[in-house]
Amino acid sequence: MSKMRNLCREERRELKVLADDFGLLERKDIQNIIDSCVTYDEGQRKILSIYNQVYM
């Protein structure tokens, strides 16, 4: 069984920029997403989901 890779530093930084642009970076759930997601795409989908819940 292969080990799933963690986000690299640059991908984690990009997710933080995305969350900050949406005004969500200070939320605890966003921090948990950024810390625990395995891929950038997964983190992006989860952040956008919370954005939709908050602003839509």
PDB file of N, CA and C in Angstrom:
ATOM      1  N   MET A   1       0.843  -1.171   0.000  1.00  0.00           N
ATOM      2  CA  MET A   1       0.000   0.000   0.000  1.00  0.00           C
ATOM      3  C   MET A   1       0.894   1.242   0.000  1.00  0.00           C
ATOM      4  N   SER A   2       0.637   2.152  -0.898  1.00  0.00           N
ATOM      5  CA  SER A   2       1.477   3.342  -0.980  1.00  0.00           C
ATOM      6  C   SER A   2       1.011   4.407   0.007  1.00  0.00           C
ATOM      7  N   LYS A   3       1.957   5.154   0.485  1.00  0.00           N
ATOM      8  CA  LYS A   3       1.671   6.224   1.432  1.00  0.00           C
ATOM      9  C   LYS A   3       1.160   7.444   0.672  1.00  0.00           C
ATOM     10  N   MET A   4       0.068   8.045   1.177  1.00  0.00           N
ATOM     11  CA  MET A   4      -0.460   9.258   0.543  1.00  0.00           C
ATOM     12  C   MET A   4       0.455  10.420   0.906  1.00  0.00           C
ATOM     13  N   ARG A   5       0.742  11.244  -0.070  1.00  0.00           N
ATOM     14  CA  ARG A   5       1.643  12.361   0.179  1.00  0.00           C
ATOM     15  C   ARG A   5       0.904  13.521   0.837  1.00  0.00           C
ATOM     16  N   ASN A   6       1.639  14.309   1.574  1.00  0.00           N
ATOM     17  CA  ASN A   6       1.077  15.502   2.194  1.00  0.00           C
ATOM     18  C   ASN A   6       1.274  16.681   1.257  1.00  0.00           C
ATOM     19  N   LEU A   7       0.538  17.726   1.526  1.00  0.00           N
ATOM     20  CA  LEU A   7       0.700  18.943   0.742  1.00  0.00           C
ATOM     21  C   LEU A   7       2.114  19.483   0.900  1.00  0.00           C
ATOM     22  N   CYS A   8       2.661  19.981  -0.172  1.00  0.00           N
ATOM     23  CA  CYS A   8       3.953  20.653  -0.052  1.00  0.00           C
ATOM     24  C   CYS A   8       3.722  22.049   0.516  1.00  0.00           C
ATOM     25  N   ARG A   9       4.768  22.671   0.924  1.00  0.00           N
ATOM     26  CA  ARG A   9       4.694  23.998   1.545  1.00  0.00           C
ATOM     27  C   ARG A   9       4.022  25.018   0.613  1.00  0.00           C
ATOM     28  N   GLU A  10       4.345  24.964  -0.662  1.00  0.00           N
ATOM     29  CA  GLU A  10       3.771  25.916  -1.620  1.00  0.00           C
ATOM     30  C   GLU A  10       2.257  25.722  -1.772  1.00  0.00           C
ATOM     31  N   GLU A  11       1.810  24.472  -1.823  1.00  0.00           N
ATOM     32  CA  GLU A  11       0.371  24.208  -1.943  1.00  0.00           C
ATOM     33  C   GLU A  11      -0.373  24.684  -0.692  1.00  0.00           C
ATOM     34  N   ARG A  12       0.204  24.446   0.465  1.00  0.00           N
ATOM     35  CA  ARG A  12      -0.406  24.905   1.717  1.00  0.00           C
ATOM     36  C   ARG A  12      -0.471  26.433   1.743  1.00  0.00           C
ATOM     37  N   ARG A  13       0.566  27.090   1.269  1.00  0.00           N
ATOM     38  CA  ARG A  13       0.599  28.555   1.201  1.00  0.00           C
ATOM     39  C   ARG A  13      -0.492  29.067   0.258  1.00  0.00           C
ATOM     40  N   GLU A  14      -0.668  28.382  -0.886  1.00  0.00           N
ATOM     41  CA  GLU A  14      -1.701  28.784  -1.841  1.00  0.00           C
ATOM     42  C   GLU A  14      -3.103  28.639  -1.251  1.00  0.00           C
ATOM     43  N   LEU A  15      -3.334  27.587  -0.474  1.00  0.00           N
ATOM     44  CA  LEU A  15      -4.637  27.430   0.175  1.00  0.00           C
ATOM     45  C   LEU A  15      -4.865  28.546   1.195  1.00  0.00           C
ATOM     46  N   LYS A  16      -3.815  28.958   1.893  1.00  0.00           N
ATOM     47  CA  LYS A  16      -3.940  30.058   2.849  1.00  0.00           C
ATOM     48  C   LYS A  16      -4.262  31.361   2.133  1.00  0.00           C
ATOM     49  N   VAL A  17      -3.638  31.580   0.980  1.00  0.00           N
ATOM     50  CA  VAL A  17      -3.924  32.783   0.192  1.00  0.00           C
ATOM     51  C   VAL A  17      -5.378  32.765  -0.272  1.00  0.00           C
ATOM     52  N   LEU A  18      -5.834  31.609  -0.753  1.00  0.00           N
ATOM     53  CA  LEU A  18      -7.219  31.478  -1.204  1.00  0.00           C
ATOM     54  C   LEU A  18      -8.185  31.799  -0.064  1.00  0.00           C
ATOM     55  N   ALA A  19      -7.962  31.198   1.092  1.00  0.00           N
ATOM     56  CA  ALA A  19      -8.836  31.437   2.241  1.00  0.00           C
ATOM     57  C   ALA A  19      -8.787  32.895   2.688  1.00  0.00           C
ATOM     58  N   ASP A  20      -7.604  33.499   2.656  1.00  0.00           N
ATOM     59  CA  ASP A  20      -7.461  34.900   3.037  1.00  0.00           C
ATOM     60  C   ASP A  20      -8.189  35.805   2.052  1.00  0.00           C
ATOM     61  N   ASP A  21      -8.103  35.508   0.770  1.00  0.00           N
ATOM     62  CA  ASP A  21      -8.813  36.293  -0.243  1.00  0.00           C
ATOM     63  C   ASP A  21     -10.322  36.264  -0.017  1.00  0.00           C
ATOM     64  N   PHE A  22     -10.824  35.136   0.477  1.00  0.00           N
ATOM     65  CA  PHE A  22     -12.252  34.999   0.752  1.00  0.00           C
ATOM     66  C   PHE A  22     -12.627  35.514   2.137  1.00  0.00           C
ATOM     67  N   GLY A  23     -11.650  35.953   2.925  1.00  0.00           N
ATOM     68  CA  GLY A  23     -11.917  36.460   4.263  1.00  0.00           C
ATOM     69  C   GLY A  23     -12.232  35.359   5.262  1.00  0.00           C
ATOM     70  N   LEU A  24     -11.724  34.156   5.010  1.00  0.00           N
ATOM     71  CA  LEU A  24     -12.041  33.009   5.853  1.00  0.00           C
ATOM     72  C   LEU A  24     -10.846  32.450   6.619  1.00  0.00           C
ATOM     73  N   LEU A  25      -9.694  33.006   6.445  1.00  0.00           N
ATOM     74  CA  LEU A  25      -8.470  32.411   6.987  1.00  0.00           C
ATOM     75  C   LEU A  25      -8.482  32.279   8.501  1.00  0.00           C
ATOM     76  N   GLU A  26      -9.141  33.162   9.205  1.00  0.00           N
ATOM     77  CA  GLU A  26      -9.130  33.135  10.672  1.00  0.00           C
ATOM     78  C   GLU A  26     -10.063  32.088  11.261  1.00  0.00           C
ATOM     79  N   ARG A  27     -10.909  31.481  10.435  1.00  0.00           N
ATOM     80  CA  ARG A  27     -11.847  30.461  10.939  1.00  0.00           C
ATOM     81  C   ARG A  27     -11.114  29.178  11.306  1.00  0.00           C
ATOM     82  N   LYS A  28     -11.522  28.583  12.408  1.00  0.00           N
ATOM     83  CA  LYS A  28     -10.887  27.354  12.898  1.00  0.00           C
ATOM     84  C   LYS A  28     -11.097  26.203  11.917  1.00  0.00           C
ATOM     85  N   ASP A  29     -12.294  26.097  11.322  1.00  0.00           N
ATOM     86  CA  ASP A  29     -12.552  24.999  10.390  1.00  0.00           C
ATOM     87  C   ASP A  29     -11.687  25.113   9.137  1.00  0.00           C
ATOM     88  N   ILE A  30     -11.406  26.315   8.710  1.00  0.00           N
ATOM     89  CA  ILE A  30     -10.528  26.526   7.551  1.00  0.00           C
ATOM     90  C   ILE A  30      -9.107  26.107   7.901  1.00  0.00           C
ATOM     91  N   GLN A  31      -8.658  26.471   9.092  1.00  0.00           N
ATOM     92  CA  GLN A  31      -7.316  26.071   9.529  1.00  0.00           C
ATOM     93  C   GLN A  31      -7.197  24.553   9.575  1.00  0.00           C
ATOM     94  N   ASN A  32      -8.244  23.889  10.058  1.00  0.00           N
ATOM     95  CA  ASN A  32      -8.237  22.425  10.102  1.00  0.00           C
ATOM     96  C   ASN A  32      -8.177  21.819   8.704  1.00  0.00           C
ATOM     97  N   ILE A  33      -8.895  22.406   7.771  1.00  0.00           N
ATOM     98  CA  ILE A  33      -8.868  21.924   6.387  1.00  0.00           C
ATOM     99  C   ILE A  33      -7.456  22.047   5.823  1.00  0.00           C
ATOM    100  N   ILE A  34      -6.849  23.201   5.986  1.00  0.00           N
ATOM    101  CA  ILE A  34      -5.510  23.435   5.446  1.00  0.00           C
ATOM    102  C   ILE A  34      -4.498  22.485   6.089  1.00  0.00           C
ATOM    103  N   ASP A  35      -4.654  22.218   7.363  1.00  0.00           N
ATOM    104  CA  ASP A  35      -3.717  21.341   8.068  1.00  0.00           C
ATOM    105  C   ASP A  35      -3.914  19.864   7.740  1.00  0.00           C
ATOM    106  N   SER A  36      -5.126  19.467   7.366  1.00  0.00           N
ATOM    107  CA  SER A  36      -5.406  18.039   7.237  1.00  0.00           C
ATOM    108  C   SER A  36      -5.621  17.531   5.812  1.00  0.00           C
ATOM    109  N   CYS A  37      -5.817  18.397   4.845  1.00  0.00           N
ATOM    110  CA  CYS A  37      -6.100  17.905   3.496  1.00  0.00           C
ATOM    111  C   CYS A  37      -4.845  17.285   2.870  1.00  0.00           C
ATOM    112  N   VAL A  38      -5.095  16.353   1.973  1.00  0.00           N
ATOM    113  CA  VAL A  38      -4.009  15.598   1.356  1.00  0.00           C
ATOM    114  C   VAL A  38      -3.597  16.215   0.028  1.00  0.00           C
ATOM    115  N   THR A  39      -4.563  16.777  -0.710  1.00  0.00           N
ATOM    116  CA  THR A  39      -4.251  17.385  -1.998  1.00  0.00           C
ATOM    117  C   THR A  39      -4.744  18.829  -2.022  1.00  0.00           C
ATOM    118  N   TYR A  40      -4.178  19.606  -2.913  1.00  0.00           N
ATOM    119  CA  TYR A  40      -4.620  20.989  -3.083  1.00  0.00           C
ATOM    120  C   TYR A  40      -6.076  21.024  -3.519  1.00  0.00           C
ATOM    121  N   ASP A  41      -6.444  20.155  -4.458  1.00  0.00           N
ATOM    122  CA  ASP A  41      -7.821  20.135  -4.966  1.00  0.00           C
ATOM    123  C   ASP A  41      -8.829  19.850  -3.860  1.00  0.00           C
ATOM    124  N   GLU A  42      -8.491  18.919  -2.977  1.00  0.00           N
ATOM    125  CA  GLU A  42      -9.374  18.596  -1.851  1.00  0.00           C
ATOM    126  C   GLU A  42      -9.545  19.827  -0.958  1.00  0.00           C
ATOM    127  N   GLY A  43      -8.458  20.478  -0.622  1.00  0.00           N
ATOM    128  CA  GLY A  43      -8.515  21.667   0.222  1.00  0.00           C
ATOM    129  C   GLY A  43      -9.300  22.786  -0.436  1.00  0.00           C
ATOM    130  N   GLN A  44      -9.083  22.974  -1.714  1.00  0.00           N
ATOM    131  CA  GLN A  44      -9.790  24.017  -2.447  1.00  0.00           C
ATOM    132  C   GLN A  44     -11.298  23.758  -2.444  1.00  0.00           C
ATOM    133  N   ARG A  45     -11.701  22.513  -2.701  1.00  0.00           N
ATOM    134  CA  ARG A  45     -13.134  22.170  -2.703  1.00  0.00           C
ATOM    135  C   ARG A  45     -13.760  22.431  -1.338  1.00  0.00           C
ATOM    136  N   LYS A  46     -13.069  22.052  -0.277  1.00  0.00           N
ATOM    137  CA  LYS A  46     -13.611  22.233   1.067  1.00  0.00           C
ATOM    138  C   LYS A  46     -13.694  23.711   1.438  1.00  0.00           C
ATOM    139  N   ILE A  47     -12.691  24.482   1.068  1.00  0.00           N
ATOM    140  CA  ILE A  47     -12.709  25.926   1.346  1.00  0.00           C
ATOM    141  C   ILE A  47     -13.846  26.594   0.580  1.00  0.00           C
ATOM    142  N   LEU A  48     -14.015  26.229  -0.681  1.00  0.00           N
ATOM    143  CA  LEU A  48     -15.099  26.813  -1.475  1.00  0.00           C
ATOM    144  C   LEU A  48     -16.463  26.400  -0.937  1.00  0.00           C
ATOM    145  N   SER A  49     -16.568  25.211  -0.402  1.00  0.00           N
ATOM    146  CA  SER A  49     -17.819  24.760   0.201  1.00  0.00           C
ATOM    147  C   SER A  49     -18.180  25.637   1.405  1.00  0.00           C
ATOM    148  N   ILE A  50     -17.204  25.914   2.251  1.00  0.00           N
ATOM    149  CA  ILE A  50     -17.453  26.781   3.406  1.00  0.00           C
ATOM    150  C   ILE A  50     -17.753  28.201   2.958  1.00  0.00           C
ATOM    151  N   TYR A  51     -17.047  28.672   1.935  1.00  0.00           N
ATOM    152  CA  TYR A  51     -17.333  30.000   1.386  1.00  0.00           C
ATOM    153  C   TYR A  51     -18.801  30.091   0.955  1.00  0.00           C
ATOM    154  N   ASN A  52     -19.282  29.054   0.252  1.00  0.00           N
ATOM    155  CA  ASN A  52     -20.680  29.045  -0.180  1.00  0.00           C
ATOM    156  C   ASN A  52     -21.640  29.052   1.004  1.00  0.00           C
ATOM    157  N   GLN A  53     -21.324  28.337   2.052  1.00  0.00           N
ATOM    158  CA  GLN A  53     -22.176  28.302   3.235  1.00  0.00           C
ATOM    159  C   GLN A  53     -22.219  29.666   3.927  1.00  0.00           C
ATOM    160  N   VAL A  54     -21.087  30.342   3.967  1.00  0.00           N
ATOM    161  CA  VAL A  54     -20.992  31.607   4.693  1.00  0.00           C
ATOM    162  C   VAL A  54     -21.599  32.762   3.895  1.00  0.00           C
ATOM    163  N   TYR A  55     -21.320  32.832   2.602  1.00  0.00           N
ATOM    164  CA  TYR A  55     -21.683  34.012   1.822  1.00  0.00           C
ATOM    165  C   TYR A  55     -22.848  33.828   0.861  1.00  0.00           C
ATOM    166  N   MET A  56     -23.296  32.616   0.657  1.00  0.00           N
ATOM    167  CA  MET A  56     -24.388  32.419  -0.299  1.00  0.00           C
ATOM    168  C   MET A  56     -25.673  32.084   0.400  1.00  0.00           C
TER     169      MET A  56
END
